[in-house]
Protein backbone atom coordinates (compact mmCIF):
# COMPACT_ATOMS: atom_id res chain seq x y z
CA UNK A 1 118.09 118.38 83.69
CA UNK A 2 116.80 119.63 87.10
CA UNK A 3 120.30 120.27 88.31
CA UNK A 4 120.93 123.05 85.69
CA UNK A 5 117.39 124.49 85.71
CA UNK A 6 118.09 127.56 87.73
CA UNK A 7 121.45 128.33 86.07
CA UNK A 8 119.77 127.95 82.68
CA UNK A 9 116.96 130.41 83.72
CA UNK A 10 119.57 132.72 84.77
CA UNK A 11 121.60 132.61 81.54
CA UNK A 12 118.23 132.99 79.60
CA UNK A 13 117.46 136.17 81.41
CA UNK A 14 120.86 137.48 81.07
CA UNK A 15 120.88 136.87 77.27
CA UNK A 16 117.50 138.47 76.96
CA UNK A 17 118.57 141.36 78.96
CA UNK A 18 121.62 141.70 76.81
CA UNK A 19 119.59 141.73 73.67
CA UNK A 20 117.30 144.43 75.10
CA UNK A 21 120.10 146.56 76.16
CA UNK A 22 121.75 146.05 72.67
CA UNK A 23 118.79 147.00 70.64
CA UNK A 24 116.68 149.16 72.92
CA UNK A 25 119.43 150.67 75.54
CA UNK A 26 117.11 149.62 78.39
CA UNK A 27 119.47 148.21 81.18
CA UNK A 28 117.75 145.38 83.30
CA UNK A 29 121.06 143.35 83.33
CA UNK A 30 122.28 141.72 86.63
CA UNK A 31 124.79 144.09 88.29
CA UNK A 32 128.16 142.62 89.45
CA UNK A 33 127.75 141.83 93.20
CA UNK A 34 131.52 141.69 93.74
CA UNK A 35 131.98 145.07 92.34
CA UNK A 36 128.98 146.54 94.33
CA UNK A 37 130.18 145.19 97.65
CA UNK A 38 133.85 145.36 97.39
CA UNK A 39 134.23 148.24 94.70
CA UNK A 40 136.92 145.95 92.79
CA UNK A 41 136.57 144.82 89.22
CA UNK A 42 136.32 141.01 89.02
CA UNK A 43 137.42 138.74 86.09
CA UNK A 44 133.70 138.79 84.84
CA UNK A 45 133.23 142.51 84.51
CA UNK A 46 132.79 143.46 80.89
CA UNK A 47 131.63 140.06 79.88
CA UNK A 48 128.37 141.58 78.88
CA UNK A 49 129.73 144.56 77.10
CA UNK A 50 132.13 142.08 75.27
CA UNK A 51 129.03 139.99 74.24
CA UNK A 52 127.39 143.08 72.78
CA UNK A 53 130.56 143.70 70.86
CA UNK A 54 130.46 140.40 69.64
CA UNK A 55 126.80 140.69 68.38
CA UNK A 56 128.03 143.96 66.60
CA UNK A 57 130.69 141.67 64.91
CA UNK A 58 133.24 143.83 66.59
CA UNK A 59 135.57 140.72 67.80
CA UNK A 60 138.70 142.82 68.51
CA UNK A 61 136.82 145.30 70.66
CA UNK A 62 135.30 142.35 72.43
CA UNK A 63 138.61 140.78 73.23
CA UNK A 64 140.01 144.17 74.48
CA UNK A 65 137.04 144.74 76.79
CA UNK A 66 137.45 141.27 78.47
CA UNK A 67 139.97 138.88 77.27
CA UNK A 68 137.88 135.92 79.00
CA UNK A 69 134.78 136.29 76.71
CA UNK A 70 135.97 133.60 74.23
CA UNK A 71 136.73 130.78 76.97
CA UNK A 72 133.40 131.60 78.47
CA UNK A 73 131.55 131.16 75.25
CA UNK A 74 133.47 127.83 74.60
CA UNK A 75 132.59 126.72 77.96
CA UNK A 76 128.94 127.46 77.71
CA UNK A 77 128.77 125.88 74.48
CA UNK A 78 130.48 122.70 75.85
CA UNK A 79 128.01 122.56 78.73
CA UNK A 80 125.04 123.01 76.17
CA UNK A 81 126.17 120.04 74.00
CA UNK A 82 127.03 117.92 77.07
CA UNK A 83 123.46 118.51 78.55
CA UNK A 84 121.92 117.90 75.06
CA UNK A 85 123.58 114.76 74.68
CA UNK A 86 122.59 113.66 78.06
CA UNK A 87 118.82 114.75 77.39
CA UNK A 88 119.03 112.75 74.17
CA UNK A 89 120.36 109.54 75.98
CA UNK A 90 117.56 109.75 78.74
CA UNK A 91 114.80 110.44 75.92
CA UNK A 92 115.77 106.99 73.99
CA UNK A 93 116.12 104.84 77.07
């Protein structure tokens, strides 16, 4: 649980920042450092916008914005389920 604590906090902040931007149009999201330093779009650029399109139930626009959105969501769900199973095993031991 401690190994993923900072990663979980970062994901939680980004998720809350996405919801705030989606509803209130206030941008407190974390900028892309790769794009900032090298001025080149990376594979992750547009994932936040894609997630906002998913919240609007516009799945085709989400895929057009960044096609990596669905594998990323699947990977995050797998990590959450894996951590939950590990947590459950440790609580009953």
